[in-house]
Amino acid sequence: MGQDLVFLVTGGSAHLGAAAIAGASGEGRDAVLSLKLPGHREEELASELATLASRSLGRTVAVLAGIHLDRPSRQDIEDIVAEARREMVAAIEDWKAHQTARGRSGDAEAAH
């Protein structure tokens, strides 16, 4: 994917229900494109997470999402959304740490 990143967000019975791509538009603003399959509700979450990752990492990001639970309560949904947000923040931080470590090792290799 070059400099672009793809994140998968799944839970319960994993599947693809929605996708979102976020990045900077030519005008310097966020651009987000999303779609969902009929009967799926993950589009808003996919868009939110793609925007968060794109802003945090400064690159184009795609989020593919599919979360299925049979008859979830409102609390179940709130918990799932909160967990998806926490996991995305953790993934972003892990990616940044990996890139930083990789940059340091690359600098050391270039010096030899």
PDB file of N, CA and C in Angstrom:
ATOM      1  N   MET A   1       0.818  -1.179   0.000  1.00  0.00           N
ATOM      2  CA  MET A   1       0.000   0.000   0.000  1.00  0.00           C
ATOM      3  C   MET A   1       0.868   1.251   0.000  1.00  0.00           C
ATOM      4  N   GLY A   2       2.160   1.114  -0.176  1.00  0.00           N
ATOM      5  CA  GLY A   2       3.009   2.292  -0.157  1.00  0.00           C
ATOM      6  C   GLY A   2       3.000   2.935   1.212  1.00  0.00           C
ATOM      7  N   GLN A   3       2.724   4.217   1.274  1.00  0.00           N
ATOM      8  CA  GLN A   3       2.669   4.953   2.545  1.00  0.00           C
ATOM      9  C   GLN A   3       1.296   4.860   3.209  1.00  0.00           C
ATOM     10  N   ASP A   4       0.309   4.336   2.504  1.00  0.00           N
ATOM     11  CA  ASP A   4      -1.049   4.253   3.032  1.00  0.00           C
ATOM     12  C   ASP A   4      -1.183   3.040   3.954  1.00  0.00           C
ATOM     13  N   LEU A   5      -2.184   3.091   4.834  1.00  0.00           N
ATOM     14  CA  LEU A   5      -2.390   2.018   5.803  1.00  0.00           C
ATOM     15  C   LEU A   5      -3.826   1.508   5.754  1.00  0.00           C
ATOM     16  N   VAL A   6      -3.988   0.234   6.095  1.00  0.00           N
ATOM     17  CA  VAL A   6      -5.309  -0.386   6.174  1.00  0.00           C
ATOM     18  C   VAL A   6      -5.456  -1.000   7.557  1.00  0.00           C
ATOM     19  N   PHE A   7      -6.580  -0.715   8.210  1.00  0.00           N
ATOM     20  CA  PHE A   7      -6.898  -1.288   9.512  1.00  0.00           C
ATOM     21  C   PHE A   7      -8.163  -2.124   9.381  1.00  0.00           C
ATOM     22  N   LEU A   8      -8.192  -3.280  10.054  1.00  0.00           N
ATOM     23  CA  LEU A   8      -9.385  -4.124  10.112  1.00  0.00           C
ATOM     24  C   LEU A   8      -9.989  -4.000  11.502  1.00  0.00           C
ATOM     25  N   VAL A   9     -11.288  -3.778  11.554  1.00  0.00           N
ATOM     26  CA  VAL A   9     -12.013  -3.667  12.824  1.00  0.00           C
ATOM     27  C   VAL A   9     -13.113  -4.716  12.789  1.00  0.00           C
ATOM     28  N   THR A  10     -12.960  -5.757  13.618  1.00  0.00           N
ATOM     29  CA  THR A  10     -13.933  -6.841  13.614  1.00  0.00           C
ATOM     30  C   THR A  10     -14.332  -7.202  15.038  1.00  0.00           C
ATOM     31  N   GLY A  11     -15.428  -7.885  15.164  1.00  0.00           N
ATOM     32  CA  GLY A  11     -15.875  -8.352  16.462  1.00  0.00           C
ATOM     33  C   GLY A  11     -17.092  -9.229  16.311  1.00  0.00           C
ATOM     34  N   GLY A  12     -17.298 -10.082  17.301  1.00  0.00           N
ATOM     35  CA  GLY A  12     -18.411 -11.016  17.210  1.00  0.00           C
ATOM     36  C   GLY A  12     -18.185 -11.921  16.012  1.00  0.00           C
ATOM     37  N   SER A  13     -19.160 -12.015  15.166  1.00  0.00           N
ATOM     38  CA  SER A  13     -19.031 -12.770  13.924  1.00  0.00           C
ATOM     39  C   SER A  13     -18.431 -11.826  12.879  1.00  0.00           C
ATOM     40  N   ALA A  14     -17.122 -11.942  12.658  1.00  0.00           N
ATOM     41  CA  ALA A  14     -16.392 -11.019  11.782  1.00  0.00           C
ATOM     42  C   ALA A  14     -16.881 -11.116  10.335  1.00  0.00           C
ATOM     43  N   HIS A  15     -16.954  -9.973   9.691  1.00  0.00           N
ATOM     44  CA  HIS A  15     -17.369  -9.870   8.300  1.00  0.00           C
ATOM     45  C   HIS A  15     -17.013  -8.468   7.818  1.00  0.00           C
ATOM     46  N   LEU A  16     -17.276  -8.151   6.582  1.00  0.00           N
ATOM     47  CA  LEU A  16     -17.115  -6.788   6.078  1.00  0.00           C
ATOM     48  C   LEU A  16     -18.494  -6.178   5.922  1.00  0.00           C
ATOM     49  N   GLY A  17     -18.725  -5.103   6.670  1.00  0.00           N
ATOM     50  CA  GLY A  17     -19.998  -4.411   6.580  1.00  0.00           C
ATOM     51  C   GLY A  17     -19.866  -2.992   6.078  1.00  0.00           C
ATOM     52  N   ALA A  18     -18.669  -2.388   6.306  1.00  0.00           N
ATOM     53  CA  ALA A  18     -18.454  -1.001   5.896  1.00  0.00           C
ATOM     54  C   ALA A  18     -16.968  -0.756   5.669  1.00  0.00           C
ATOM     55  N   ALA A  19     -16.693   0.269   4.885  1.00  0.00           N
ATOM     56  CA  ALA A  19     -15.313   0.685   4.630  1.00  0.00           C
ATOM     57  C   ALA A  19     -15.271   2.205   4.602  1.00  0.00           C
ATOM     58  N   ALA A  20     -14.161   2.760   5.061  1.00  0.00           N
ATOM     59  CA  ALA A  20     -13.965   4.209   5.011  1.00  0.00           C
ATOM     60  C   ALA A  20     -12.509   4.485   4.668  1.00  0.00           C
ATOM     61  N   ILE A  21     -12.299   5.512   3.847  1.00  0.00           N
ATOM     62  CA  ILE A  21     -10.958   5.975   3.500  1.00  0.00           C
ATOM     63  C   ILE A  21     -10.878   7.445   3.889  1.00  0.00           C
ATOM     64  N   ALA A  22      -9.830   7.799   4.636  1.00  0.00           N
ATOM     65  CA  ALA A  22      -9.653   9.186   5.067  1.00  0.00           C
ATOM     66  C   ALA A  22      -8.248   9.649   4.721  1.00  0.00           C
ATOM     67  N   GLY A  23      -8.155  10.911   4.347  1.00  0.00           N
ATOM     68  CA  GLY A  23      -6.865  11.521   4.038  1.00  0.00           C
ATOM     69  C   GLY A  23      -7.066  13.007   3.839  1.00  0.00           C
ATOM     70  N   ALA A  24      -5.986  13.699   3.564  1.00  0.00           N
ATOM     71  CA  ALA A  24      -6.076  15.142   3.332  1.00  0.00           C
ATOM     72  C   ALA A  24      -6.564  15.404   1.916  1.00  0.00           C
ATOM     73  N   SER A  25      -7.462  16.354   1.788  1.00  0.00           N
ATOM     74  CA  SER A  25      -7.914  16.761   0.461  1.00  0.00           C
ATOM     75  C   SER A  25      -6.904  17.751  -0.109  1.00  0.00           C
ATOM     76  N   GLY A  26      -7.048  18.110  -1.350  1.00  0.00           N
ATOM     77  CA  GLY A  26      -6.167  19.082  -1.968  1.00  0.00           C
ATOM     78  C   GLY A  26      -6.235  20.446  -1.317  1.00  0.00           C
ATOM     79  N   GLU A  27      -7.319  20.730  -0.609  1.00  0.00           N
ATOM     80  CA  GLU A  27      -7.490  22.021   0.067  1.00  0.00           C
ATOM     81  C   GLU A  27      -6.967  21.992   1.498  1.00  0.00           C
ATOM     82  N   GLY A  28      -6.286  20.908   1.906  1.00  0.00           N
ATOM     83  CA  GLY A  28      -5.748  20.817   3.249  1.00  0.00           C
ATOM     84  C   GLY A  28      -6.758  20.421   4.303  1.00  0.00           C
ATOM     85  N   ARG A  29      -7.948  20.037   3.893  1.00  0.00           N
ATOM     86  CA  ARG A  29      -8.980  19.590   4.838  1.00  0.00           C
ATOM     87  C   ARG A  29      -9.065  18.076   4.802  1.00  0.00           C
ATOM     88  N   ASP A  30      -9.712  17.513   5.826  1.00  0.00           N
ATOM     89  CA  ASP A  30      -9.934  16.072   5.839  1.00  0.00           C
ATOM     90  C   ASP A  30     -10.911  15.695   4.738  1.00  0.00           C
ATOM     91  N   ALA A  31     -10.621  14.597   4.078  1.00  0.00           N
ATOM     92  CA  ALA A  31     -11.554  14.031   3.114  1.00  0.00           C
ATOM     93  C   ALA A  31     -11.848  12.608   3.577  1.00  0.00           C
ATOM     94  N   VAL A  32     -13.113  12.277   3.676  1.00  0.00           N
ATOM     95  CA  VAL A  32     -13.510  10.939   4.107  1.00  0.00           C
ATOM     96  C   VAL A  32     -14.565  10.416   3.147  1.00  0.00           C
ATOM     97  N   LEU A  33     -14.328   9.240   2.637  1.00  0.00           N
ATOM     98  CA  LEU A  33     -15.302   8.556   1.792  1.00  0.00           C
ATOM     99  C   LEU A  33     -15.647   7.246   2.473  1.00  0.00           C
ATOM    100  N   SER A  34     -16.929   6.924   2.540  1.00  0.00           N
ATOM    101  CA  SER A  34     -17.322   5.682   3.198  1.00  0.00           C
ATOM    102  C   SER A  34     -18.479   5.038   2.460  1.00  0.00           C
ATOM    103  N   LEU A  35     -18.625   3.747   2.719  1.00  0.00           N
ATOM    104  CA  LEU A  35     -19.764   3.013   2.174  1.00  0.00           C
ATOM    105  C   LEU A  35     -20.083   1.862   3.102  1.00  0.00           C
ATOM    106  N   LYS A  36     -21.309   1.390   2.992  1.00  0.00           N
ATOM    107  CA  LYS A  36     -21.731   0.253   3.813  1.00  0.00           C
ATOM    108  C   LYS A  36     -22.621  -0.640   2.977  1.00  0.00           C
ATOM    109  N   LEU A  37     -22.670  -1.871   3.358  1.00  0.00           N
ATOM    110  CA  LEU A  37     -23.595  -2.805   2.742  1.00  0.00           C
ATOM    111  C   LEU A  37     -24.972  -2.598   3.371  1.00  0.00           C
ATOM    112  N   PRO A  38     -26.029  -2.867   2.627  1.00  0.00           N
ATOM    113  CA  PRO A  38     -27.370  -2.706   3.201  1.00  0.00           C
ATOM    114  C   PRO A  38     -27.533  -3.518   4.488  1.00  0.00           C
ATOM    115  N   GLY A  39     -28.138  -2.895   5.473  1.00  0.00           N
ATOM    116  CA  GLY A  39     -28.395  -3.560   6.739  1.00  0.00           C
ATOM    117  C   GLY A  39     -27.245  -3.517   7.726  1.00  0.00           C
ATOM    118  N   HIS A  40     -26.157  -2.854   7.366  1.00  0.00           N
ATOM    119  CA  HIS A  40     -24.998  -2.768   8.257  1.00  0.00           C
ATOM    120  C   HIS A  40     -24.909  -1.384   8.868  1.00  0.00           C
ATOM    121  N   ARG A  41     -24.318  -1.329  10.063  1.00  0.00           N
ATOM    122  CA  ARG A  41     -24.295  -0.067  10.815  1.00  0.00           C
ATOM    123  C   ARG A  41     -22.881   0.390  11.183  1.00  0.00           C
ATOM    124  N   GLU A  42     -21.865  -0.191  10.575  1.00  0.00           N
ATOM    125  CA  GLU A  42     -20.492   0.134  10.962  1.00  0.00           C
ATOM    126  C   GLU A  42     -19.916   1.355  10.250  1.00  0.00           C
ATOM    127  N   GLU A  43     -20.643   1.940   9.327  1.00  0.00           N
ATOM    128  CA  GLU A  43     -20.095   3.025   8.511  1.00  0.00           C
ATOM    129  C   GLU A  43     -19.621   4.225   9.338  1.00  0.00           C
ATOM    130  N   GLU A  44     -20.414   4.665  10.290  1.00  0.00           N
ATOM    131  CA  GLU A  44     -20.041   5.822  11.105  1.00  0.00           C
ATOM    132  C   GLU A  44     -18.769   5.542  11.908  1.00  0.00           C
ATOM    133  N   LEU A  45     -18.677   4.360  12.496  1.00  0.00           N
ATOM    134  CA  LEU A  45     -17.493   3.993  13.259  1.00  0.00           C
ATOM    135  C   LEU A  45     -16.271   3.891  12.344  1.00  0.00           C
ATOM    136  N   ALA A  46     -16.419   3.274  11.189  1.00  0.00           N
ATOM    137  CA  ALA A  46     -15.297   3.165  10.248  1.00  0.00           C
ATOM    138  C   ALA A  46     -14.799   4.548   9.842  1.00  0.00           C
ATOM    139  N   SER A  47     -15.713   5.472   9.567  1.00  0.00           N
ATOM    140  CA  SER A  47     -15.330   6.840   9.192  1.00  0.00           C
ATOM    141  C   SER A  47     -14.605   7.544  10.324  1.00  0.00           C
ATOM    142  N   GLU A  48     -15.129   7.418  11.536  1.00  0.00           N
ATOM    143  CA  GLU A  48     -14.499   8.049  12.700  1.00  0.00           C
ATOM    144  C   GLU A  48     -13.079   7.525  12.909  1.00  0.00           C
ATOM    145  N   LEU A  49     -12.915   6.201  12.844  1.00  0.00           N
ATOM    146  CA  LEU A  49     -11.606   5.614  13.089  1.00  0.00           C
ATOM    147  C   LEU A  49     -10.626   5.932  11.968  1.00  0.00           C
ATOM    148  N   ALA A  50     -11.099   5.953  10.731  1.00  0.00           N
ATOM    149  CA  ALA A  50     -10.223   6.302   9.606  1.00  0.00           C
ATOM    150  C   ALA A  50      -9.742   7.745   9.728  1.00  0.00           C
ATOM    151  N   THR A  51     -10.639   8.639  10.110  1.00  0.00           N
ATOM    152  CA  THR A  51     -10.267  10.048  10.283  1.00  0.00           C
ATOM    153  C   THR A  51      -9.265  10.193  11.418  1.00  0.00           C
ATOM    154  N   LEU A  52      -9.506   9.538  12.538  1.00  0.00           N
ATOM    155  CA  LEU A  52      -8.589   9.580  13.668  1.00  0.00           C
ATOM    156  C   LEU A  52      -7.198   9.112  13.260  1.00  0.00           C
ATOM    157  N   ALA A  53      -7.124   7.978  12.588  1.00  0.00           N
ATOM    158  CA  ALA A  53      -5.824   7.427  12.191  1.00  0.00           C
ATOM    159  C   ALA A  53      -5.137   8.315  11.161  1.00  0.00           C
ATOM    160  N   SER A  54      -5.888   8.823  10.198  1.00  0.00           N
ATOM    161  CA  SER A  54      -5.304   9.670   9.165  1.00  0.00           C
ATOM    162  C   SER A  54      -4.722  10.947   9.760  1.00  0.00           C
ATOM    163  N   ARG A  55      -5.477  11.590  10.632  1.00  0.00           N
ATOM    164  CA  ARG A  55      -4.980  12.808  11.289  1.00  0.00           C
ATOM    165  C   ARG A  55      -3.753  12.513  12.142  1.00  0.00           C
ATOM    166  N   SER A  56      -3.790  11.426  12.888  1.00  0.00           N
ATOM    167  CA  SER A  56      -2.699  11.086  13.803  1.00  0.00           C
ATOM    168  C   SER A  56      -1.423  10.687  13.076  1.00  0.00           C
ATOM    169  N   LEU A  57      -1.585  10.037  11.932  1.00  0.00           N
ATOM    170  CA  LEU A  57      -0.424   9.489  11.230  1.00  0.00           C
ATOM    171  C   LEU A  57      -0.003  10.308  10.011  1.00  0.00           C
ATOM    172  N   GLY A  58      -0.843  11.254   9.613  1.00  0.00           N
ATOM    173  CA  GLY A  58      -0.494  12.111   8.493  1.00  0.00           C
ATOM    174  C   GLY A  58      -0.425  11.393   7.165  1.00  0.00           C
ATOM    175  N   ARG A  59      -1.321  10.457   6.965  1.00  0.00           N
ATOM    176  CA  ARG A  59      -1.337   9.705   5.704  1.00  0.00           C
ATOM    177  C   ARG A  59      -2.737   9.190   5.424  1.00  0.00           C
ATOM    178  N   THR A  60      -2.930   8.659   4.241  1.00  0.00           N
ATOM    179  CA  THR A  60      -4.229   8.106   3.880  1.00  0.00           C
ATOM    180  C   THR A  60      -4.410   6.764   4.583  1.00  0.00           C
ATOM    181  N   VAL A  61      -5.610   6.566   5.124  1.00  0.00           N
ATOM    182  CA  VAL A  61      -5.914   5.367   5.897  1.00  0.00           C
ATOM    183  C   VAL A  61      -7.262   4.805   5.455  1.00  0.00           C
ATOM    184  N   ALA A  62      -7.331   3.489   5.349  1.00  0.00           N
ATOM    185  CA  ALA A  62      -8.603   2.808   5.110  1.00  0.00           C
ATOM    186  C   ALA A  62      -8.940   1.967   6.339  1.00  0.00           C
ATOM    187  N   VAL A  63     -10.197   1.976   6.701  1.00  0.00           N
ATOM    188  CA  VAL A  63     -10.688   1.112   7.779  1.00  0.00           C
ATOM    189  C   VAL A  63     -11.787   0.240   7.192  1.00  0.00           C
ATOM    190  N   LEU A  64     -11.619  -1.072   7.315  1.00  0.00           N
ATOM    191  CA  LEU A  64     -12.631  -2.045   6.915  1.00  0.00           C
ATOM    192  C   LEU A  64     -13.236  -2.589   8.201  1.00  0.00           C
ATOM    193  N   ALA A  65     -14.549  -2.499   8.331  1.00  0.00           N
ATOM    194  CA  ALA A  65     -15.187  -2.856   9.598  1.00  0.00           C
ATOM    195  C   ALA A  65     -16.340  -3.830   9.403  1.00  0.00           C
ATOM    196  N   GLY A  66     -16.445  -4.731  10.348  1.00  0.00           N
ATOM    197  CA  GLY A  66     -17.561  -5.655  10.400  1.00  0.00           C
ATOM    198  C   GLY A  66     -17.683  -6.225  11.793  1.00  0.00           C
ATOM    199  N   ILE A  67     -18.721  -5.838  12.490  1.00  0.00           N
ATOM    200  CA  ILE A  67     -18.956  -6.295  13.863  1.00  0.00           C
ATOM    201  C   ILE A  67     -20.386  -6.814  13.917  1.00  0.00           C
ATOM    202  N   HIS A  68     -20.535  -8.044  14.386  1.00  0.00           N
ATOM    203  CA  HIS A  68     -21.899  -8.588  14.469  1.00  0.00           C
ATOM    204  C   HIS A  68     -22.112  -9.274  15.807  1.00  0.00           C
ATOM    205  N   LEU A  69     -23.124  -8.818  16.505  1.00  0.00           N
ATOM    206  CA  LEU A  69     -23.620  -9.472  17.704  1.00  0.00           C
ATOM    207  C   LEU A  69     -25.123  -9.624  17.545  1.00  0.00           C
ATOM    208  N   ASP A  70     -25.656 -10.750  17.955  1.00  0.00           N
ATOM    209  CA  ASP A  70     -27.100 -10.945  17.896  1.00  0.00           C
ATOM    210  C   ASP A  70     -27.783 -10.117  18.975  1.00  0.00           C
ATOM    211  N   ARG A  71     -28.660  -9.250  18.561  1.00  0.00           N
ATOM    212  CA  ARG A  71     -29.469  -8.426  19.455  1.00  0.00           C
ATOM    213  C   ARG A  71     -28.676  -7.731  20.565  1.00  0.00           C
ATOM    214  N   PRO A  72     -27.701  -6.911  20.196  1.00  0.00           N
ATOM    215  CA  PRO A  72     -26.932  -6.225  21.242  1.00  0.00           C
ATOM    216  C   PRO A  72     -27.772  -5.159  21.929  1.00  0.00           C
ATOM    217  N   SER A  73     -27.507  -4.961  23.200  1.00  0.00           N
ATOM    218  CA  SER A  73     -28.162  -3.878  23.939  1.00  0.00           C
ATOM    219  C   SER A  73     -27.465  -2.566  23.598  1.00  0.00           C
ATOM    220  N   ARG A  74     -28.065  -1.459  23.985  1.00  0.00           N
ATOM    221  CA  ARG A  74     -27.423  -0.155  23.778  1.00  0.00           C
ATOM    222  C   ARG A  74     -26.067  -0.132  24.486  1.00  0.00           C
ATOM    223  N   GLN A  75     -26.004  -0.714  25.692  1.00  0.00           N
ATOM    224  CA  GLN A  75     -24.742  -0.766  26.430  1.00  0.00           C
ATOM    225  C   GLN A  75     -23.703  -1.603  25.690  1.00  0.00           C
ATOM    226  N   ASP A  76     -24.125  -2.727  25.103  1.00  0.00           N
ATOM    227  CA  ASP A  76     -23.205  -3.551  24.311  1.00  0.00           C
ATOM    228  C   ASP A  76     -22.595  -2.728  23.176  1.00  0.00           C
ATOM    229  N   ILE A  77     -23.419  -1.970  22.488  1.00  0.00           N
ATOM    230  CA  ILE A  77     -22.956  -1.156  21.364  1.00  0.00           C
ATOM    231  C   ILE A  77     -21.986  -0.077  21.856  1.00  0.00           C
ATOM    232  N   GLU A  78     -22.346   0.591  22.946  1.00  0.00           N
ATOM    233  CA  GLU A  78     -21.454   1.622  23.506  1.00  0.00           C
ATOM    234  C   GLU A  78     -20.115   1.022  23.912  1.00  0.00           C
ATOM    235  N   ASP A  79     -20.138  -0.164  24.507  1.00  0.00           N
ATOM    236  CA  ASP A  79     -18.901  -0.837  24.913  1.00  0.00           C
ATOM    237  C   ASP A  79     -18.048  -1.211  23.707  1.00  0.00           C
ATOM    238  N   ILE A  80     -18.686  -1.706  22.664  1.00  0.00           N
ATOM    239  CA  ILE A  80     -17.965  -2.098  21.446  1.00  0.00           C
ATOM    240  C   ILE A  80     -17.320  -0.884  20.788  1.00  0.00           C
ATOM    241  N   VAL A  81     -18.056   0.203  20.687  1.00  0.00           N
ATOM    242  CA  VAL A  81     -17.521   1.427  20.084  1.00  0.00           C
ATOM    243  C   VAL A  81     -16.351   1.954  20.910  1.00  0.00           C
ATOM    244  N   ALA A  82     -16.490   1.971  22.231  1.00  0.00           N
ATOM    245  CA  ALA A  82     -15.412   2.441  23.103  1.00  0.00           C
ATOM    246  C   ALA A  82     -14.178   1.560  22.949  1.00  0.00           C
ATOM    247  N   GLU A  83     -14.366   0.263  22.876  1.00  0.00           N
ATOM    248  CA  GLU A  83     -13.241  -0.660  22.709  1.00  0.00           C
ATOM    249  C   GLU A  83     -12.570  -0.462  21.352  1.00  0.00           C
ATOM    250  N   ALA A  84     -13.359  -0.266  20.307  1.00  0.00           N
ATOM    251  CA  ALA A  84     -12.783  -0.021  18.973  1.00  0.00           C
ATOM    252  C   ALA A  84     -11.944   1.250  18.984  1.00  0.00           C
ATOM    253  N   ARG A  85     -12.420   2.284  19.643  1.00  0.00           N
ATOM    254  CA  ARG A  85     -11.647   3.535  19.752  1.00  0.00           C
ATOM    255  C   ARG A  85     -10.341   3.295  20.510  1.00  0.00           C
ATOM    256  N   ARG A  86     -10.422   2.593  21.645  1.00  0.00           N
ATOM    257  CA  ARG A  86      -9.211   2.311  22.431  1.00  0.00           C
ATOM    258  C   ARG A  86      -8.204   1.513  21.611  1.00  0.00           C
ATOM    259  N   GLU A  87      -8.696   0.510  20.912  1.00  0.00           N
ATOM    260  CA  GLU A  87      -7.807  -0.335  20.107  1.00  0.00           C
ATOM    261  C   GLU A  87      -7.177   0.458  18.960  1.00  0.00           C
ATOM    262  N   MET A  88      -7.922   1.380  18.359  1.00  0.00           N
ATOM    263  CA  MET A  88      -7.352   2.187  17.286  1.00  0.00           C
ATOM    264  C   MET A  88      -6.264   3.102  17.835  1.00  0.00           C
ATOM    265  N   VAL A  89      -6.506   3.736  18.968  1.00  0.00           N
ATOM    266  CA  VAL A  89      -5.488   4.596  19.579  1.00  0.00           C
ATOM    267  C   VAL A  89      -4.235   3.764  19.874  1.00  0.00           C
ATOM    268  N   ALA A  90      -4.403   2.556  20.414  1.00  0.00           N
ATOM    269  CA  ALA A  90      -3.264   1.689  20.710  1.00  0.00           C
ATOM    270  C   ALA A  90      -2.533   1.297  19.424  1.00  0.00           C
ATOM    271  N   ALA A  91      -3.270   0.978  18.375  1.00  0.00           N
ATOM    272  CA  ALA A  91      -2.642   0.604  17.095  1.00  0.00           C
ATOM    273  C   ALA A  91      -1.855   1.772  16.515  1.00  0.00           C
ATOM    274  N   ILE A  92      -2.404   2.968  16.618  1.00  0.00           N
ATOM    275  CA  ILE A  92      -1.710   4.167  16.127  1.00  0.00           C
ATOM    276  C   ILE A  92      -0.414   4.362  16.904  1.00  0.00           C
ATOM    277  N   GLU A  93      -0.470   4.262  18.224  1.00  0.00           N
ATOM    278  CA  GLU A  93       0.720   4.432  19.044  1.00  0.00           C
ATOM    279  C   GLU A  93       1.755   3.357  18.743  1.00  0.00           C
ATOM    280  N   ASP A  94       1.312   2.115  18.562  1.00  0.00           N
ATOM    281  CA  ASP A  94       2.232   1.028  18.208  1.00  0.00           C
ATOM    282  C   ASP A  94       2.902   1.305  16.865  1.00  0.00           C
ATOM    283  N   TRP A  95       2.134   1.773  15.897  1.00  0.00           N
ATOM    284  CA  TRP A  95       2.683   2.057  14.578  1.00  0.00           C
ATOM    285  C   TRP A  95       3.715   3.174  14.661  1.00  0.00           C
ATOM    286  N   LYS A  96       3.390   4.226  15.413  1.00  0.00           N
ATOM    287  CA  LYS A  96       4.338   5.332  15.579  1.00  0.00           C
ATOM    288  C   LYS A  96       5.629   4.844  16.233  1.00  0.00           C
ATOM    289  N   ALA A  97       5.517   4.022  17.277  1.00  0.00           N
ATOM    290  CA  ALA A  97       6.694   3.502  17.968  1.00  0.00           C
ATOM    291  C   ALA A  97       7.534   2.641  17.025  1.00  0.00           C
ATOM    292  N   HIS A  98       6.873   1.825  16.238  1.00  0.00           N
ATOM    293  CA  HIS A  98       7.576   0.973  15.274  1.00  0.00           C
ATOM    294  C   HIS A  98       8.319   1.826  14.251  1.00  0.00           C
ATOM    295  N   GLN A  99       7.665   2.875  13.763  1.00  0.00           N
ATOM    296  CA  GLN A  99       8.293   3.753  12.773  1.00  0.00           C
ATOM    297  C   GLN A  99       9.489   4.485  13.375  1.00  0.00           C
ATOM    298  N   THR A 100       9.350   4.913  14.636  1.00  0.00           N
ATOM    299  CA  THR A 100      10.451   5.597  15.308  1.00  0.00           C
ATOM    300  C   THR A 100      11.636   4.656  15.477  1.00  0.00           C
ATOM    301  N   ALA A 101      11.382   3.433  15.950  1.00  0.00           N
ATOM    302  CA  ALA A 101      12.445   2.444  16.133  1.00  0.00           C
ATOM    303  C   ALA A 101      13.079   2.083  14.792  1.00  0.00           C
ATOM    304  N   ARG A 102      12.264   1.954  13.778  1.00  0.00           N
ATOM    305  CA  ARG A 102      12.761   1.627  12.444  1.00  0.00           C
ATOM    306  C   ARG A 102      13.644   2.746  11.903  1.00  0.00           C
ATOM    307  N   GLY A 103      13.242   3.994  12.165  1.00  0.00           N
ATOM    308  CA  GLY A 103      14.039   5.135  11.731  1.00  0.00           C
ATOM    309  C   GLY A 103      15.388   5.165  12.416  1.00  0.00           C
ATOM    310  N   ARG A 104      15.418   4.828  13.705  1.00  0.00           N
ATOM    311  CA  ARG A 104      16.681   4.804  14.442  1.00  0.00           C
ATOM    312  C   ARG A 104      17.596   3.713  13.920  1.00  0.00           C
ATOM    313  N   SER A 105      17.045   2.525  13.663  1.00  0.00           N
ATOM    314  CA  SER A 105      17.880   1.445  13.157  1.00  0.00           C
ATOM    315  C   SER A 105      18.336   1.742  11.734  1.00  0.00           C
ATOM    316  N   GLY A 106      17.483   2.407  10.963  1.00  0.00           N
ATOM    317  CA  GLY A 106      17.868   2.798   9.606  1.00  0.00           C
ATOM    318  C   GLY A 106      18.993   3.809   9.634  1.00  0.00           C
ATOM    319  N   ASP A 107      18.963   4.762  10.605  1.00  0.00           N
ATOM    320  CA  ASP A 107      20.023   5.731  10.741  1.00  0.00           C
ATOM    321  C   ASP A 107      21.335   5.039  11.089  1.00  0.00           C
ATOM    322  N   ALA A 108      21.268   4.056  11.971  1.00  0.00           N
ATOM    323  CA  ALA A 108      22.473   3.343  12.370  1.00  0.00           C
ATOM    324  C   ALA A 108      23.063   2.575  11.192  1.00  0.00           C
ATOM    325  N   GLU A 109      22.189   1.958  10.381  1.00  0.00           N
ATOM    326  CA  GLU A 109      22.660   1.227   9.220  1.00  0.00           C
ATOM    327  C   GLU A 109      23.302   2.163   8.214  1.00  0.00           C
ATOM    328  N   ALA A 110      22.730   3.341   8.034  1.00  0.00           N
ATOM    329  CA  ALA A 110      23.272   4.300   7.064  1.00  0.00           C
ATOM    330  C   ALA A 110      24.637   4.808   7.489  1.00  0.00           C
ATOM    331  N   ALA A 111      24.897   4.814   8.815  1.00  0.00           N
ATOM    332  CA  ALA A 111      26.167   5.324   9.321  1.00  0.00           C
ATOM    333  C   ALA A 111      27.305   4.341   9.100  1.00  0.00           C
ATOM    334  N   HIS A 112      27.002   3.062   8.882  1.00  0.00           N
ATOM    335  CA  HIS A 112      28.054   2.047   8.720  1.00  0.00           C
ATOM    336  C   HIS A 112      28.531   1.984   7.301  1.00  0.00           C
TER     337      HIS A 112
END
